[in-house]
Amino acid sequence: MTAKAAGSRTPHPKTPRASEATVADLMMPHQANGLRRPSVFGGVIMSMVDRCAALSAMRHSGGQCTTLSIDRILFKEPIRVGELVEVRSRVVHVGRTSLSVLADVYAEAIATGVRRHTNECWLTFVHLDDDGQPAPVPPLKLETQEDRLMHDLAQRRREALLAERR
């Protein structure tokens, strides 16, 4: 069945947990930014975030998705060469054809096992049909209090972004 045909029916609701995705990579010297005390180039982390969040969007939608926006990414702490970076993401809000995804970034010093939360990023994706046109996404089934809190926060962020575009 094509995405277009699937869009003609109401898709079954899916939970945020069903969309969870993880991408991990060991940071290597070629990923450093070249400063005196090198940290990992921010674009490397942004690419990992985009790929992980896309997986969450595709798991929820059941099809292809494209990045519409990356909303404010704050690098709270540098990530060093030799650290293991893990990105975790999940869908936290859906519109008719769009999906809001929250991604969290963690860095682990492998020798000590110390793990820290270094970034948080919100992304918006659009689900596409086989012709590359926006297509409906399944509703989001909120199961936990955290699901509801993240959904409400995402709704407020979405409203603020839409107000900025006006």
Protein backbone atom coordinates (compact mmCIF):
# COMPACT_ATOMS: atom_id res chain seq x y z
CA MET A 1 0.00 0.00 0.00
CA THR A 2 1.41 3.42 -0.89
CA ALA A 3 1.69 6.29 1.57
CA LYS A 4 -0.95 8.12 -0.47
CA ALA A 5 -3.39 5.22 -0.15
CA ALA A 6 -2.58 4.85 3.53
CA GLY A 7 -3.30 8.57 4.01
CA SER A 8 -6.90 8.06 2.91
CA ARG A 9 -7.64 6.11 6.10
CA THR A 10 -7.25 7.25 9.68
CA PRO A 11 -3.95 5.78 10.87
CA HIS A 12 -3.82 3.99 14.22
CA PRO A 13 -2.45 6.05 17.12
CA LYS A 14 1.16 5.40 18.17
CA THR A 15 2.93 6.16 21.43
CA PRO A 16 6.05 8.30 21.85
CA ARG A 17 7.80 5.17 23.11
CA ALA A 18 7.13 3.42 19.78
CA SER A 19 9.10 6.15 17.98
CA GLU A 20 12.18 6.07 20.22
CA ALA A 21 15.47 5.94 18.35
CA THR A 22 19.14 5.95 19.33
CA VAL A 23 22.24 6.84 17.33
CA ALA A 24 25.70 6.48 18.89
CA ASP A 25 29.23 7.15 17.68
CA LEU A 26 32.73 7.34 19.12
CA MET A 27 34.13 10.82 18.45
CA MET A 28 37.37 10.68 16.46
CA PRO A 29 40.12 13.26 15.71
CA HIS A 30 38.77 14.07 12.24
CA GLN A 31 35.54 15.29 13.91
CA ALA A 32 37.34 17.94 16.01
CA ASN A 33 36.90 21.66 15.40
CA GLY A 34 40.64 22.42 15.34
CA LEU A 35 40.76 24.74 18.34
CA ARG A 36 43.66 24.72 20.81
CA ARG A 37 41.69 22.43 23.16
CA PRO A 38 39.67 20.66 20.51
CA SER A 39 36.08 19.71 20.98
CA VAL A 40 33.86 17.99 18.46
CA PHE A 41 32.61 20.22 15.64
CA GLY A 42 28.99 21.21 16.33
CA GLY A 43 27.94 20.18 12.83
CA VAL A 44 28.87 16.57 13.62
CA ILE A 45 26.50 16.58 16.58
CA MET A 46 23.77 18.36 14.59
CA SER A 47 24.02 15.71 11.87
CA MET A 48 23.66 12.93 14.44
CA VAL A 49 20.66 14.71 15.98
CA ASP A 50 18.98 15.14 12.57
CA ARG A 51 19.51 11.48 11.62
CA CYS A 52 18.24 10.16 14.95
CA ALA A 53 15.20 12.44 14.98
CA ALA A 54 14.42 11.45 11.38
CA LEU A 55 14.35 7.81 12.49
CA SER A 56 11.80 8.69 15.17
CA ALA A 57 9.67 10.63 12.68
CA MET A 58 9.78 7.76 10.17
CA ARG A 59 8.94 5.17 12.83
CA HIS A 60 5.88 7.15 13.85
CA SER A 61 4.71 8.10 10.36
CA GLY A 62 5.51 4.78 8.72
CA GLY A 63 7.11 6.53 5.76
CA GLN A 64 9.53 9.13 4.51
CA CYS A 65 9.92 12.39 6.39
CA THR A 66 11.90 15.53 5.69
CA THR A 67 13.33 18.00 8.18
CA LEU A 68 11.30 21.21 8.26
CA SER A 69 13.15 22.95 11.08
CA ILE A 70 15.70 22.53 13.81
CA ASP A 71 14.62 24.71 16.69
CA ARG A 72 17.39 26.23 18.80
CA ILE A 73 20.20 23.88 19.67
CA LEU A 74 22.25 24.85 22.70
CA PHE A 75 25.66 23.25 23.21
CA LYS A 76 25.75 23.30 27.03
CA GLU A 77 29.10 21.52 27.31
CA PRO A 78 31.86 20.64 24.86
CA ILE A 79 32.12 17.08 23.65
CA ARG A 80 35.69 15.83 23.40
CA VAL A 81 37.42 13.54 20.94
CA GLY A 82 37.41 10.02 22.41
CA GLU A 83 33.99 10.35 24.03
CA LEU A 84 31.02 8.20 23.09
CA VAL A 85 28.11 10.34 21.92
CA GLU A 86 24.58 8.99 22.13
CA VAL A 87 21.53 10.75 20.71
CA ARG A 88 18.08 9.63 21.84
CA SER A 89 14.91 10.91 20.24
CA ARG A 90 11.14 10.45 20.26
CA VAL A 91 8.06 12.04 18.73
CA VAL A 92 6.37 14.28 21.31
CA HIS A 93 3.68 16.05 19.24
CA VAL A 94 1.98 15.62 15.88
CA GLY A 95 -0.03 17.89 13.64
CA ARG A 96 -1.91 16.79 10.54
CA THR A 97 1.24 16.13 8.49
CA SER A 98 4.00 17.32 10.84
CA LEU A 99 5.83 15.74 13.75
CA SER A 100 7.72 17.40 16.61
CA VAL A 101 10.68 15.39 17.81
CA LEU A 102 12.72 15.93 20.96
CA ALA A 103 16.35 14.78 20.84
CA ASP A 104 18.69 14.52 23.82
CA VAL A 105 22.47 14.24 23.44
CA TYR A 106 24.74 12.50 25.95
CA ALA A 107 28.52 12.24 26.05
CA GLU A 108 30.33 9.48 27.92
CA ALA A 109 33.97 9.42 28.94
CA ILE A 110 34.57 5.75 28.24
CA ALA A 111 37.51 5.32 30.65
CA THR A 112 35.55 6.60 33.66
CA GLY A 113 31.99 5.84 32.61
CA VAL A 114 30.98 9.41 33.45
CA ARG A 115 28.00 10.34 31.31
CA ARG A 116 26.53 13.80 30.93
CA HIS A 117 23.61 15.42 29.13
CA THR A 118 25.16 17.95 26.73
CA ASN A 119 22.38 19.04 24.39
CA GLU A 120 18.66 19.12 23.82
CA CYS A 121 17.11 19.91 20.48
CA TRP A 122 13.61 20.18 19.06
CA LEU A 123 13.03 19.33 15.42
CA THR A 124 10.00 19.43 13.15
CA PHE A 125 9.50 16.97 10.30
CA VAL A 126 6.89 16.64 7.56
CA HIS A 127 5.68 13.21 6.47
CA LEU A 128 5.73 12.81 2.68
CA ASP A 129 3.71 10.57 0.39
CA ASP A 130 5.17 8.75 -2.63
CA ASP A 131 4.86 11.94 -4.71
CA GLY A 132 6.76 14.03 -2.16
CA GLN A 133 3.63 15.81 -0.93
CA PRO A 134 2.73 16.27 2.77
CA ALA A 135 0.76 13.27 4.05
CA PRO A 136 -1.24 12.64 7.24
CA VAL A 137 0.50 11.11 10.25
CA PRO A 138 -0.96 8.83 12.91
CA PRO A 139 -2.28 10.48 16.07
CA LEU A 140 -0.07 10.41 19.14
CA LYS A 141 -1.28 8.23 22.02
CA LEU A 142 -0.09 9.77 25.29
CA GLU A 143 0.43 7.08 27.94
CA THR A 144 2.39 8.70 30.75
CA GLN A 145 2.50 11.97 32.65
CA GLU A 146 5.86 12.70 30.98
CA ASP A 147 4.25 12.09 27.55
CA ARG A 148 1.58 14.67 28.40
CA LEU A 149 4.09 17.20 29.75
CA MET A 150 6.32 16.92 26.67
CA HIS A 151 3.28 17.11 24.39
CA ASP A 152 2.06 20.30 26.11
CA LEU A 153 5.54 21.84 25.95
CA ALA A 154 5.83 20.95 22.26
CA GLN A 155 2.40 22.47 21.59
CA ARG A 156 3.46 25.75 23.22
CA ARG A 157 6.73 25.77 21.24
CA ARG A 158 4.81 25.09 18.02
CA GLU A 159 2.42 27.97 18.70
CA ALA A 160 5.36 30.31 19.39
CA LEU A 161 7.09 29.28 16.15
CA LEU A 162 3.91 29.80 14.14
CA ALA A 163 3.46 33.25 15.71
CA GLU A 164 7.04 34.16 14.67
CA ARG A 165 6.28 33.28 11.04
CA ARG A 166 3.32 35.67 10.88
